[in-house]
Amino acid sequence: MIKIGVVGATGYTGEELVEVLLRNPEVEITSLSALVEKETEFSDLYPRFGKKISLVCGNLDVEAVSASSDMVFLALPHTVSMKVAPELLKKGKKVIDLSADYRLPAEVYKKWYNTEHTDTGNLKNAVYGLPELNRKKIRGAAFVANPGCYPTGVILGLLPVIKMATEAGHPIIIDAKSGATGAGRKASIPLSFGEIDENFKCYKVNEHQHMPEMEHVLSGACGMDVRLNFIPHLLPVKRGILSTIYVQHKGLPGSDEIRKLYADYFKDEPFVRLSPEGHMPQLQDVAGTNFCDIGIKVSRDVLIIVSAIDNLLKGASGQAMQNMNIMSGLDERAGLL
């Protein structure tokens, strides 16, 4: 039985982590912590966990978390994880970080998060936790940087064709739409019900902090310099990300060959599903699951790729547990199907 600590348990991803971990028969949650006014039973904070778990959630005590846990999930805000992760790693704990603190090179991180990275030693050792790309490295890792939600859907959608598209010099346009939980649980006027309900908007056009993560990972995957145009949008729904990706088709294989390329690339992946020809994925296909559904179509000289994920599961907590399963030598589907 693997003993698990969750730091940042009161956020959307922390709460979702507790939910998926409780479904995994190979783990025991032994520690829950967050920034709270006073120690409180987790089921009092979230009554849906009544009779599911009996643990007090208090402020972080690294010594206590280390003493009770084999592996620790950090569901903390960006720039906070790099203050906590090194303490846990020093104590020999395996760590999965769900923030952006260990996904990018230090100089890129500083540019996009306006903060100097204070743990560059561990940054070099963090494995990027996209199983479909780095499964072998994850298997032997003690420290995993869980991918961002937008990057998960976009990278998976592009991996089979990114090298040929980049070699052809084609611009890549990503029109992505996320539910409100993607911004985290926080008080913010732009995220209030009155601003989101019956509204739809784009934001941070080609300025979103997830864009360099996508470019960095895809560049490493194909061995070339990848540049993307990324336009995120906020949907008036709670969860889910639908990404529509446009790539000029000129110089690429035919429609049947591209479909076979995707089918072959993902044939052994338990959490990637290729949609049938003529069907494009939608949010309700993946809501509440750890799947990434991908649809492809060649039309009017454009390759159109649509990927759909649940931003709190495959885009965060579900993928984090998938990584935990791989790191621990378990069936990576444990607790997720």
C-alpha atoms as a PDB file:
ATOM      1  CA  MET A   1       0.000   0.000   0.000  1.00  0.00           C
ATOM      2  CA  ILE A   2       1.453   3.358  -1.065  1.00  0.00           C
ATOM      3  CA  LYS A   3       1.004   6.137   1.482  1.00  0.00           C
ATOM      4  CA  ILE A   4       0.062   9.426  -0.147  1.00  0.00           C
ATOM      5  CA  GLY A   5       0.171  13.047   0.951  1.00  0.00           C
ATOM      6  CA  VAL A   6      -1.701  15.810  -0.889  1.00  0.00           C
ATOM      7  CA  VAL A   7      -0.466  19.371  -0.381  1.00  0.00           C
ATOM      8  CA  GLY A   8      -2.961  21.948  -1.616  1.00  0.00           C
ATOM      9  CA  ALA A   9      -5.932  19.657  -1.054  1.00  0.00           C
ATOM     10  CA  THR A  10      -8.573  22.403  -1.012  1.00  0.00           C
ATOM     11  CA  GLY A  11      -8.129  23.611  -4.605  1.00  0.00           C
ATOM     12  CA  TYR A  12     -10.009  22.131  -7.554  1.00  0.00           C
ATOM     13  CA  THR A  13      -7.113  19.863  -8.509  1.00  0.00           C
ATOM     14  CA  GLY A  14      -6.440  18.901  -4.885  1.00  0.00           C
ATOM     15  CA  GLU A  15     -10.072  17.997  -4.319  1.00  0.00           C
ATOM     16  CA  GLU A  16     -10.097  15.992  -7.561  1.00  0.00           C
ATOM     17  CA  LEU A  17      -6.894  14.233  -6.512  1.00  0.00           C
ATOM     18  CA  VAL A  18      -8.530  13.053  -3.306  1.00  0.00           C
ATOM     19  CA  GLU A  19     -11.459  11.742  -5.347  1.00  0.00           C
ATOM     20  CA  VAL A  20      -9.353   9.704  -7.785  1.00  0.00           C
ATOM     21  CA  LEU A  21      -6.933   8.467  -5.113  1.00  0.00           C
ATOM     22  CA  LEU A  22      -9.822   7.069  -3.119  1.00  0.00           C
ATOM     23  CA  ARG A  23     -10.692   4.888  -6.138  1.00  0.00           C
ATOM     24  CA  ASN A  24      -7.207   3.396  -6.324  1.00  0.00           C
ATOM     25  CA  PRO A  25      -7.029   0.166  -4.289  1.00  0.00           C
ATOM     26  CA  GLU A  26      -3.223   0.370  -4.120  1.00  0.00           C
ATOM     27  CA  VAL A  27      -2.979   3.643  -2.173  1.00  0.00           C
ATOM     28  CA  GLU A  28      -3.846   5.098   1.205  1.00  0.00           C
ATOM     29  CA  ILE A  29      -4.202   8.845   1.693  1.00  0.00           C
ATOM     30  CA  THR A  30      -2.333   9.624   4.904  1.00  0.00           C
ATOM     31  CA  SER A  31      -1.940  13.411   4.819  1.00  0.00           C
ATOM     32  CA  LEU A  32      -3.998  16.361   3.574  1.00  0.00           C
ATOM     33  CA  SER A  33      -2.783  19.927   3.901  1.00  0.00           C
ATOM     34  CA  ALA A  34      -3.575  23.362   2.538  1.00  0.00           C
ATOM     35  CA  LEU A  35      -3.633  27.009   3.526  1.00  0.00           C
ATOM     36  CA  VAL A  36      -6.533  26.963   6.029  1.00  0.00           C
ATOM     37  CA  GLU A  37      -7.637  29.133   8.942  1.00  0.00           C
ATOM     38  CA  LYS A  38      -7.770  26.142  11.274  1.00  0.00           C
ATOM     39  CA  GLU A  39      -7.454  22.376  11.136  1.00  0.00           C
ATOM     40  CA  THR A  40     -10.707  20.956   9.778  1.00  0.00           C
ATOM     41  CA  GLU A  41     -12.024  17.526   8.866  1.00  0.00           C
ATOM     42  CA  PHE A  42     -11.782  17.268   5.090  1.00  0.00           C
ATOM     43  CA  SER A  43     -15.340  15.965   4.904  1.00  0.00           C
ATOM     44  CA  ASP A  44     -16.517  19.093   6.745  1.00  0.00           C
ATOM     45  CA  LEU A  45     -14.902  21.223   4.029  1.00  0.00           C
ATOM     46  CA  TYR A  46     -16.348  18.982   1.310  1.00  0.00           C
ATOM     47  CA  PRO A  47     -19.381  17.037   2.611  1.00  0.00           C
ATOM     48  CA  ARG A  48     -19.380  14.736  -0.443  1.00  0.00           C
ATOM     49  CA  PHE A  49     -16.403  12.979   1.154  1.00  0.00           C
ATOM     50  CA  GLY A  50     -18.390  12.061   4.246  1.00  0.00           C
ATOM     51  CA  LYS A  51     -17.762   8.393   5.196  1.00  0.00           C
ATOM     52  CA  LYS A  52     -15.235   8.212   2.359  1.00  0.00           C
ATOM     53  CA  ILE A  53     -12.278   9.668   4.218  1.00  0.00           C
ATOM     54  CA  SER A  54     -11.594  10.677   7.799  1.00  0.00           C
ATOM     55  CA  LEU A  55      -8.589  13.007   7.794  1.00  0.00           C
ATOM     56  CA  VAL A  56      -7.974  16.467   9.163  1.00  0.00           C
ATOM     57  CA  CYS A  57      -6.739  19.062   6.683  1.00  0.00           C
ATOM     58  CA  GLY A  58      -4.301  21.511   8.262  1.00  0.00           C
ATOM     59  CA  ASN A  59      -1.542  23.886   7.242  1.00  0.00           C
ATOM     60  CA  LEU A  60       1.554  22.352   5.702  1.00  0.00           C
ATOM     61  CA  ASP A  61       4.027  20.716   8.061  1.00  0.00           C
ATOM     62  CA  VAL A  62       6.773  19.197   5.900  1.00  0.00           C
ATOM     63  CA  GLU A  63       8.041  17.013   8.732  1.00  0.00           C
ATOM     64  CA  ALA A  64       4.582  15.563   9.379  1.00  0.00           C
ATOM     65  CA  VAL A  65       3.860  15.007   5.676  1.00  0.00           C
ATOM     66  CA  SER A  66       7.230  13.297   5.190  1.00  0.00           C
ATOM     67  CA  ALA A  67       6.763  11.067   8.220  1.00  0.00           C
ATOM     68  CA  SER A  68       3.397   9.774   7.040  1.00  0.00           C
ATOM     69  CA  SER A  69       3.838   9.601   3.249  1.00  0.00           C
ATOM     70  CA  ASP A  70       5.811   7.696   0.627  1.00  0.00           C
ATOM     71  CA  MET A  71       4.778   9.990  -2.220  1.00  0.00           C
ATOM     72  CA  VAL A  72       3.481  13.562  -2.184  1.00  0.00           C
ATOM     73  CA  PHE A  73       1.358  15.450  -4.708  1.00  0.00           C
ATOM     74  CA  LEU A  74       1.823  19.213  -4.813  1.00  0.00           C
ATOM     75  CA  ALA A  75      -1.382  20.907  -5.987  1.00  0.00           C
ATOM     76  CA  LEU A  76      -0.024  24.362  -5.231  1.00  0.00           C
ATOM     77  CA  PRO A  77      -0.039  27.704  -7.059  1.00  0.00           C
ATOM     78  CA  HIS A  78       2.759  28.484  -9.486  1.00  0.00           C
ATOM     79  CA  THR A  79       5.911  29.851  -7.764  1.00  0.00           C
ATOM     80  CA  VAL A  80       4.951  28.135  -4.482  1.00  0.00           C
ATOM     81  CA  SER A  81       5.835  24.534  -5.363  1.00  0.00           C
ATOM     82  CA  MET A  82       9.527  25.303  -5.861  1.00  0.00           C
ATOM     83  CA  LYS A  83       9.683  26.319  -2.177  1.00  0.00           C
ATOM     84  CA  VAL A  84       8.152  23.039  -0.974  1.00  0.00           C
ATOM     85  CA  ALA A  85       9.399  20.395  -3.443  1.00  0.00           C
ATOM     86  CA  PRO A  86      13.095  20.574  -2.464  1.00  0.00           C
ATOM     87  CA  GLU A  87      12.286  19.972   1.208  1.00  0.00           C
ATOM     88  CA  LEU A  88      10.310  16.834   0.388  1.00  0.00           C
ATOM     89  CA  LEU A  89      12.879  15.560  -2.110  1.00  0.00           C
ATOM     90  CA  LYS A  90      15.656  15.982   0.471  1.00  0.00           C
ATOM     91  CA  LYS A  91      13.712  13.653   2.732  1.00  0.00           C
ATOM     92  CA  GLY A  92      13.639  10.984   0.030  1.00  0.00           C
ATOM     93  CA  LYS A  93       9.985  11.399  -0.917  1.00  0.00           C
ATOM     94  CA  LYS A  94       8.755  10.894  -4.450  1.00  0.00           C
ATOM     95  CA  VAL A  95       7.013  14.047  -5.626  1.00  0.00           C
ATOM     96  CA  ILE A  96       4.514  14.868  -8.374  1.00  0.00           C
ATOM     97  CA  ASP A  97       4.123  18.602  -8.898  1.00  0.00           C
ATOM     98  CA  LEU A  98       0.980  19.895 -10.598  1.00  0.00           C
ATOM     99  CA  SER A  99       2.167  23.503 -10.872  1.00  0.00           C
ATOM    100  CA  ALA A 100       4.240  24.970 -13.706  1.00  0.00           C
ATOM    101  CA  ASP A 101       7.355  25.355 -11.561  1.00  0.00           C
ATOM    102  CA  TYR A 102       9.272  22.412 -13.024  1.00  0.00           C
ATOM    103  CA  ARG A 103       7.998  22.255 -16.618  1.00  0.00           C
ATOM    104  CA  LEU A 104      10.223  24.866 -18.254  1.00  0.00           C
ATOM    105  CA  PRO A 105      13.903  25.829 -18.399  1.00  0.00           C
ATOM    106  CA  ALA A 106      14.737  28.471 -15.777  1.00  0.00           C
ATOM    107  CA  GLU A 107      15.176  31.336 -18.244  1.00  0.00           C
ATOM    108  CA  VAL A 108      11.852  30.604 -19.972  1.00  0.00           C
ATOM    109  CA  TYR A 109      10.112  30.226 -16.609  1.00  0.00           C
ATOM    110  CA  LYS A 110      11.403  33.647 -15.500  1.00  0.00           C
ATOM    111  CA  LYS A 111      10.129  35.305 -18.670  1.00  0.00           C
ATOM    112  CA  TRP A 112       6.607  33.876 -18.480  1.00  0.00           C
ATOM    113  CA  TYR A 113       6.066  33.726 -14.710  1.00  0.00           C
ATOM    114  CA  ASN A 114       8.036  36.877 -13.795  1.00  0.00           C
ATOM    115  CA  THR A 115       9.922  35.008 -11.070  1.00  0.00           C
ATOM    116  CA  GLU A 116      13.460  33.724 -10.712  1.00  0.00           C
ATOM    117  CA  HIS A 117      13.535  29.956 -10.323  1.00  0.00           C
ATOM    118  CA  THR A 118      14.966  29.124  -6.907  1.00  0.00           C
ATOM    119  CA  ASP A 119      15.421  25.358  -7.332  1.00  0.00           C
ATOM    120  CA  THR A 120      17.308  24.896 -10.576  1.00  0.00           C
ATOM    121  CA  GLY A 121      19.036  21.763  -9.282  1.00  0.00           C
ATOM    122  CA  ASN A 122      15.798  19.811  -8.996  1.00  0.00           C
ATOM    123  CA  LEU A 123      14.473  21.487 -12.142  1.00  0.00           C
ATOM    124  CA  LYS A 124      17.070  19.558 -14.135  1.00  0.00           C
ATOM    125  CA  ASN A 125      15.925  16.272 -12.610  1.00  0.00           C
ATOM    126  CA  ALA A 126      12.168  16.731 -13.052  1.00  0.00           C
ATOM    127  CA  VAL A 127      10.632  14.438 -15.689  1.00  0.00           C
ATOM    128  CA  TYR A 128       7.835  15.947 -17.773  1.00  0.00           C
ATOM    129  CA  GLY A 129       4.873  13.754 -16.918  1.00  0.00           C
ATOM    130  CA  LEU A 130       3.134  13.118 -20.222  1.00  0.00           C
ATOM    131  CA  PRO A 131       2.967   9.294 -20.260  1.00  0.00           C
ATOM    132  CA  GLU A 132       2.367   9.077 -24.002  1.00  0.00           C
ATOM    133  CA  LEU A 133       5.703  10.816 -24.550  1.00  0.00           C
ATOM    134  CA  ASN A 134       7.878  10.006 -21.508  1.00  0.00           C
ATOM    135  CA  ARG A 135       6.585   6.736 -20.048  1.00  0.00           C
ATOM    136  CA  LYS A 136      10.042   5.133 -19.732  1.00  0.00           C
ATOM    137  CA  LYS A 137      11.504   8.166 -17.958  1.00  0.00           C
ATOM    138  CA  ILE A 138       8.472   8.448 -15.668  1.00  0.00           C
ATOM    139  CA  ARG A 139       8.830   4.796 -14.687  1.00  0.00           C
ATOM    140  CA  GLY A 140      12.214   5.453 -13.098  1.00  0.00           C
ATOM    141  CA  ALA A 141      11.540   8.970 -11.825  1.00  0.00           C
ATOM    142  CA  ALA A 142      11.467  10.267  -8.260  1.00  0.00           C
ATOM    143  CA  PHE A 143      10.204  13.696  -9.339  1.00  0.00           C
ATOM    144  CA  VAL A 144       7.589  14.383 -12.018  1.00  0.00           C
ATOM    145  CA  ALA A 145       6.337  17.700 -13.373  1.00  0.00           C
ATOM    146  CA  ASN A 146       2.711  17.091 -14.285  1.00  0.00           C
ATOM    147  CA  PRO A 147       1.743  18.814 -17.582  1.00  0.00           C
ATOM    148  CA  GLY A 148      -0.585  21.780 -17.827  1.00  0.00           C
ATOM    149  CA  CYS A 149      -4.173  21.273 -18.920  1.00  0.00           C
ATOM    150  CA  TYR A 150      -4.065  23.138 -22.242  1.00  0.00           C
ATOM    151  CA  PRO A 151      -0.684  21.582 -23.162  1.00  0.00           C
ATOM    152  CA  THR A 152      -1.935  18.047 -22.521  1.00  0.00           C
ATOM    153  CA  GLY A 153      -4.710  18.262 -25.119  1.00  0.00           C
ATOM    154  CA  VAL A 154      -2.653  20.242 -27.633  1.00  0.00           C
ATOM    155  CA  ILE A 155       0.541  18.185 -27.407  1.00  0.00           C
ATOM    156  CA  LEU A 156      -1.328  14.892 -27.727  1.00  0.00           C
ATOM    157  CA  GLY A 157      -3.234  16.279 -30.702  1.00  0.00           C
ATOM    158  CA  LEU A 158      -0.042  17.294 -32.499  1.00  0.00           C
ATOM    159  CA  LEU A 159       2.521  14.617 -31.594  1.00  0.00           C
ATOM    160  CA  PRO A 160       1.940  12.315 -34.606  1.00  0.00           C
ATOM    161  CA  VAL A 161       2.318  15.146 -37.157  1.00  0.00           C
ATOM    162  CA  ILE A 162       4.423  17.840 -35.484  1.00  0.00           C
ATOM    163  CA  LYS A 163       7.703  16.865 -37.175  1.00  0.00           C
ATOM    164  CA  MET A 164       6.301  16.803 -40.714  1.00  0.00           C
ATOM    165  CA  ALA A 165       4.297  20.004 -40.143  1.00  0.00           C
ATOM    166  CA  THR A 166       7.361  21.805 -38.801  1.00  0.00           C
ATOM    167  CA  GLU A 167       9.582  20.521 -41.626  1.00  0.00           C
ATOM    168  CA  ALA A 168       7.016  21.836 -44.112  1.00  0.00           C
ATOM    169  CA  GLY A 169       7.166  25.257 -42.437  1.00  0.00           C
ATOM    170  CA  HIS A 170       3.431  25.412 -41.850  1.00  0.00           C
ATOM    171  CA  PRO A 171       2.001  27.796 -39.254  1.00  0.00           C
ATOM    172  CA  ILE A 172       0.020  26.031 -36.541  1.00  0.00           C
ATOM    173  CA  ILE A 173      -3.056  27.710 -35.074  1.00  0.00           C
ATOM    174  CA  ILE A 174      -4.648  26.451 -31.860  1.00  0.00           C
ATOM    175  CA  ASP A 175      -8.134  27.598 -30.923  1.00  0.00           C
ATOM    176  CA  ALA A 176      -8.669  26.184 -27.420  1.00  0.00           C
ATOM    177  CA  LYS A 177     -11.619  26.542 -25.051  1.00  0.00           C
ATOM    178  CA  SER A 178     -11.601  25.751 -21.333  1.00  0.00           C
ATOM    179  CA  GLY A 179     -14.099  25.491 -18.522  1.00  0.00           C
ATOM    180  CA  ALA A 180     -13.816  27.908 -15.594  1.00  0.00           C
ATOM    181  CA  THR A 181     -12.158  25.444 -13.209  1.00  0.00           C
ATOM    182  CA  GLY A 182      -9.021  25.666 -15.340  1.00  0.00           C
ATOM    183  CA  ALA A 183      -8.211  28.958 -13.597  1.00  0.00           C
ATOM    184  CA  GLY A 184      -8.271  27.376 -10.139  1.00  0.00           C
ATOM    185  CA  ARG A 185     -10.407  28.002  -7.065  1.00  0.00           C
ATOM    186  CA  LYS A 186      -9.992  31.673  -6.252  1.00  0.00           C
ATOM    187  CA  ALA A 187     -11.987  34.859  -5.799  1.00  0.00           C
ATOM    188  CA  SER A 188     -11.774  36.796  -9.064  1.00  0.00           C
ATOM    189  CA  ILE A 189     -14.254  39.143 -10.741  1.00  0.00           C
ATOM    190  CA  PRO A 190     -13.561  37.801 -14.285  1.00  0.00           C
ATOM    191  CA  LEU A 191     -14.325  34.290 -12.994  1.00  0.00           C
ATOM    192  CA  SER A 192     -17.498  35.216 -11.120  1.00  0.00           C
ATOM    193  CA  PHE A 193     -20.830  33.750 -12.228  1.00  0.00           C
ATOM    194  CA  GLY A 194     -22.130  37.077 -13.521  1.00  0.00           C
ATOM    195  CA  GLU A 195     -19.124  37.477 -15.801  1.00  0.00           C
ATOM    196  CA  ILE A 196     -18.999  33.912 -17.131  1.00  0.00           C
ATOM    197  CA  ASP A 197     -22.641  32.877 -17.449  1.00  0.00           C
ATOM    198  CA  GLU A 198     -24.043  33.442 -20.957  1.00  0.00           C
ATOM    199  CA  ASN A 199     -20.689  34.814 -22.052  1.00  0.00           C
ATOM    200  CA  PHE A 200     -17.766  33.598 -24.153  1.00  0.00           C
ATOM    201  CA  LYS A 201     -14.411  35.282 -24.645  1.00  0.00           C
ATOM    202  CA  CYS A 202     -10.812  34.806 -25.671  1.00  0.00           C
ATOM    203  CA  TYR A 203      -7.964  35.950 -23.440  1.00  0.00           C
ATOM    204  CA  LYS A 204      -4.152  36.141 -23.353  1.00  0.00           C
ATOM    205  CA  VAL A 205      -3.997  35.793 -27.145  1.00  0.00           C
ATOM    206  CA  ASN A 206      -0.524  34.402 -27.978  1.00  0.00           C
ATOM    207  CA  GLU A 207       0.479  35.467 -24.450  1.00  0.00           C
ATOM    208  CA  HIS A 208      -0.756  32.562 -22.349  1.00  0.00           C
ATOM    209  CA  GLN A 209       1.817  30.989 -20.015  1.00  0.00           C
ATOM    210  CA  HIS A 210       1.027  27.509 -21.366  1.00  0.00           C
ATOM    211  CA  MET A 211       2.212  28.416 -24.878  1.00  0.00           C
ATOM    212  CA  PRO A 212       5.960  28.133 -24.106  1.00  0.00           C
ATOM    213  CA  GLU A 213       5.313  24.770 -22.428  1.00  0.00           C
ATOM    214  CA  MET A 214       3.708  23.433 -25.597  1.00  0.00           C
ATOM    215  CA  GLU A 215       6.495  24.823 -27.779  1.00  0.00           C
ATOM    216  CA  HIS A 216       9.243  23.517 -25.495  1.00  0.00           C
ATOM    217  CA  VAL A 217       7.855  19.974 -25.261  1.00  0.00           C
ATOM    218  CA  LEU A 218       6.948  19.681 -28.951  1.00  0.00           C
ATOM    219  CA  SER A 219      10.359  21.063 -29.974  1.00  0.00           C
ATOM    220  CA  GLY A 220      12.020  18.376 -27.865  1.00  0.00           C
ATOM    221  CA  ALA A 221       9.765  15.694 -29.314  1.00  0.00           C
ATOM    222  CA  CYS A 222      10.542  16.470 -32.953  1.00  0.00           C
ATOM    223  CA  GLY A 223      14.068  17.867 -32.609  1.00  0.00           C
ATOM    224  CA  MET A 224      13.118  21.138 -34.303  1.00  0.00           C
ATOM    225  CA  ASP A 225      12.132  24.635 -33.232  1.00  0.00           C
ATOM    226  CA  VAL A 226       8.321  24.633 -32.935  1.00  0.00           C
ATOM    227  CA  ARG A 227       6.336  27.871 -32.917  1.00  0.00           C
ATOM    228  CA  LEU A 228       2.608  27.985 -32.259  1.00  0.00           C
ATOM    229  CA  ASN A 229      -0.221  30.492 -32.380  1.00  0.00           C
ATOM    230  CA  PHE A 230      -2.345  29.847 -29.289  1.00  0.00           C
ATOM    231  CA  ILE A 231      -5.699  31.488 -28.641  1.00  0.00           C
ATOM    232  CA  PRO A 232      -7.375  30.323 -25.402  1.00  0.00           C
ATOM    233  CA  HIS A 233     -11.037  30.979 -24.636  1.00  0.00           C
ATOM    234  CA  LEU A 234     -13.145  30.791 -21.488  1.00  0.00           C
ATOM    235  CA  LEU A 235     -16.321  28.709 -21.762  1.00  0.00           C
ATOM    236  CA  PRO A 236     -19.347  29.172 -19.470  1.00  0.00           C
ATOM    237  CA  VAL A 237     -18.988  25.576 -18.200  1.00  0.00           C
ATOM    238  CA  LYS A 238     -17.230  24.089 -15.163  1.00  0.00           C
ATOM    239  CA  ARG A 239     -14.828  21.629 -16.733  1.00  0.00           C
ATOM    240  CA  GLY A 240     -13.372  20.416 -19.993  1.00  0.00           C
ATOM    241  CA  ILE A 241     -11.023  21.656 -22.727  1.00  0.00           C
ATOM    242  CA  LEU A 242     -11.733  21.435 -26.447  1.00  0.00           C
ATOM    243  CA  SER A 243      -8.790  22.349 -28.683  1.00  0.00           C
ATOM    244  CA  THR A 244      -9.193  22.827 -32.432  1.00  0.00           C
ATOM    245  CA  ILE A 245      -5.834  22.824 -34.209  1.00  0.00           C
ATOM    246  CA  TYR A 246      -5.321  24.007 -37.796  1.00  0.00           C
ATOM    247  CA  VAL A 247      -2.342  22.952 -39.917  1.00  0.00           C
ATOM    248  CA  GLN A 248      -1.919  23.649 -43.632  1.00  0.00           C
ATOM    249  CA  HIS A 249      -2.160  20.294 -45.405  1.00  0.00           C
ATOM    250  CA  LYS A 250       0.126  21.062 -48.356  1.00  0.00           C
ATOM    251  CA  GLY A 251       3.058  18.647 -48.402  1.00  0.00           C
ATOM    252  CA  LEU A 252       1.531  16.317 -45.784  1.00  0.00           C
ATOM    253  CA  PRO A 253       0.255  12.758 -46.444  1.00  0.00           C
ATOM    254  CA  GLY A 254      -3.299  12.083 -47.570  1.00  0.00           C
ATOM    255  CA  SER A 255      -6.243  11.820 -45.214  1.00  0.00           C
ATOM    256  CA  ASP A 256      -6.128   8.012 -44.957  1.00  0.00           C
ATOM    257  CA  GLU A 257      -2.400   8.021 -44.286  1.00  0.00           C
ATOM    258  CA  ILE A 258      -2.750  10.645 -41.566  1.00  0.00           C
ATOM    259  CA  ARG A 259      -5.521   8.690 -39.885  1.00  0.00           C
ATOM    260  CA  LYS A 260      -3.332   5.567 -39.944  1.00  0.00           C
ATOM    261  CA  LEU A 261      -0.454   7.606 -38.537  1.00  0.00           C
ATOM    262  CA  TYR A 262      -2.603   8.610 -35.557  1.00  0.00           C
ATOM    263  CA  ALA A 263      -4.009   5.112 -35.098  1.00  0.00           C
ATOM    264  CA  ASP A 264      -0.511   3.597 -35.063  1.00  0.00           C
ATOM    265  CA  TYR A 265       0.921   6.269 -32.770  1.00  0.00           C
ATOM    266  CA  PHE A 266      -1.722   5.812 -30.091  1.00  0.00           C
ATOM    267  CA  LYS A 267      -2.649   2.149 -30.570  1.00  0.00           C
ATOM    268  CA  ASP A 268      -1.187   1.056 -27.219  1.00  0.00           C
ATOM    269  CA  GLU A 269      -2.188   4.149 -25.231  1.00  0.00           C
ATOM    270  CA  PRO A 270      -4.876   3.346 -22.654  1.00  0.00           C
ATOM    271  CA  PHE A 271      -6.116   6.921 -22.334  1.00  0.00           C
ATOM    272  CA  VAL A 272      -6.054   8.239 -25.904  1.00  0.00           C
ATOM    273  CA  ARG A 273      -8.993   7.463 -28.195  1.00  0.00           C
ATOM    274  CA  LEU A 274      -9.136   8.255 -31.898  1.00  0.00           C
ATOM    275  CA  SER A 275     -12.655   9.284 -32.866  1.00  0.00           C
ATOM    276  CA  PRO A 276     -14.307   7.429 -35.770  1.00  0.00           C
ATOM    277  CA  GLU A 277     -14.048   9.056 -39.183  1.00  0.00           C
ATOM    278  CA  GLY A 278     -16.732  11.705 -39.563  1.00  0.00           C
ATOM    279  CA  HIS A 279     -17.023  12.315 -35.811  1.00  0.00           C
ATOM    280  CA  MET A 280     -15.319  15.002 -33.779  1.00  0.00           C
ATOM    281  CA  PRO A 281     -14.973  14.711 -29.984  1.00  0.00           C
ATOM    282  CA  GLN A 282     -16.994  16.860 -27.643  1.00  0.00           C
ATOM    283  CA  LEU A 283     -16.656  17.716 -23.966  1.00  0.00           C
ATOM    284  CA  GLN A 284     -19.378  15.351 -22.792  1.00  0.00           C
ATOM    285  CA  ASP A 285     -17.425  12.459 -24.337  1.00  0.00           C
ATOM    286  CA  VAL A 286     -14.584  12.940 -21.850  1.00  0.00           C
ATOM    287  CA  ALA A 287     -16.091  14.742 -18.842  1.00  0.00           C
ATOM    288  CA  GLY A 288     -15.321  12.829 -15.657  1.00  0.00           C
ATOM    289  CA  THR A 289     -12.719  10.622 -17.394  1.00  0.00           C
ATOM    290  CA  ASN A 290      -8.956  10.491 -17.909  1.00  0.00           C
ATOM    291  CA  PHE A 291      -9.317  10.120 -21.685  1.00  0.00           C
ATOM    292  CA  CYS A 292      -8.076  12.396 -24.428  1.00  0.00           C
ATOM    293  CA  ASP A 293     -10.286  11.994 -27.502  1.00  0.00           C
ATOM    294  CA  ILE A 294      -8.840  13.096 -30.841  1.00  0.00           C
ATOM    295  CA  GLY A 295     -10.659  13.685 -34.120  1.00  0.00           C
ATOM    296  CA  ILE A 296      -8.978  14.481 -37.455  1.00  0.00           C
ATOM    297  CA  LYS A 297     -10.210  15.738 -40.796  1.00  0.00           C
ATOM    298  CA  VAL A 298      -8.576  17.015 -43.964  1.00  0.00           C
ATOM    299  CA  SER A 299     -10.740  19.646 -45.639  1.00  0.00           C
ATOM    300  CA  ARG A 300      -9.944  22.360 -48.193  1.00  0.00           C
ATOM    301  CA  ASP A 301      -6.191  21.877 -47.838  1.00  0.00           C
ATOM    302  CA  VAL A 302      -6.296  22.154 -44.048  1.00  0.00           C
ATOM    303  CA  LEU A 303      -5.609  19.406 -41.518  1.00  0.00           C
ATOM    304  CA  ILE A 304      -8.039  19.947 -38.652  1.00  0.00           C
ATOM    305  CA  ILE A 305      -7.291  18.217 -35.347  1.00  0.00           C
ATOM    306  CA  VAL A 306      -9.736  18.349 -32.444  1.00  0.00           C
ATOM    307  CA  SER A 307      -8.787  17.109 -28.989  1.00  0.00           C
ATOM    308  CA  ALA A 308     -11.015  16.964 -25.913  1.00  0.00           C
ATOM    309  CA  ILE A 309     -10.027  16.357 -22.288  1.00  0.00           C
ATOM    310  CA  ASP A 310     -11.397  16.911 -18.815  1.00  0.00           C
ATOM    311  CA  ASN A 311      -9.091  19.667 -17.550  1.00  0.00           C
ATOM    312  CA  LEU A 312      -9.274  18.415 -13.947  1.00  0.00           C
ATOM    313  CA  LEU A 313      -8.518  14.786 -14.828  1.00  0.00           C
ATOM    314  CA  LYS A 314      -6.370  14.124 -17.911  1.00  0.00           C
ATOM    315  CA  GLY A 315      -5.417  17.796 -17.672  1.00  0.00           C
ATOM    316  CA  ALA A 316      -4.380  17.600 -14.015  1.00  0.00           C
ATOM    317  CA  SER A 317      -5.297  15.151 -11.243  1.00  0.00           C
ATOM    318  CA  GLY A 318      -6.139  12.073 -13.317  1.00  0.00           C
ATOM    319  CA  GLN A 319      -2.888  12.350 -15.238  1.00  0.00           C
ATOM    320  CA  ALA A 320      -1.046  12.888 -11.941  1.00  0.00           C
ATOM    321  CA  MET A 321      -2.391   9.578 -10.648  1.00  0.00           C
ATOM    322  CA  GLN A 322      -1.579   7.925 -13.973  1.00  0.00           C
ATOM    323  CA  ASN A 323       2.007   9.101 -13.403  1.00  0.00           C
ATOM    324  CA  MET A 324       1.935   7.833  -9.813  1.00  0.00           C
ATOM    325  CA  ASN A 325       0.838   4.416 -11.048  1.00  0.00           C
ATOM    326  CA  ILE A 326       3.685   4.299 -13.562  1.00  0.00           C
ATOM    327  CA  MET A 327       6.275   5.480 -11.018  1.00  0.00           C
ATOM    328  CA  SER A 328       5.079   2.821  -8.574  1.00  0.00           C
ATOM    329  CA  GLY A 329       5.077  -0.091 -11.017  1.00  0.00           C
ATOM    330  CA  LEU A 330       1.276  -0.379 -10.966  1.00  0.00           C
ATOM    331  CA  ASP A 331      -1.149  -0.766 -13.851  1.00  0.00           C
ATOM    332  CA  GLU A 332      -1.362   2.848 -14.996  1.00  0.00           C
ATOM    333  CA  ARG A 333      -5.118   2.499 -15.372  1.00  0.00           C
ATOM    334  CA  ALA A 334      -5.612   1.720 -11.652  1.00  0.00           C
ATOM    335  CA  GLY A 335      -8.356   3.917 -10.209  1.00  0.00           C
ATOM    336  CA  LEU A 336      -8.925   5.654 -13.530  1.00  0.00           C
ATOM    337  CA  LEU A 337     -11.198   3.257 -15.412  1.00  0.00           C
END
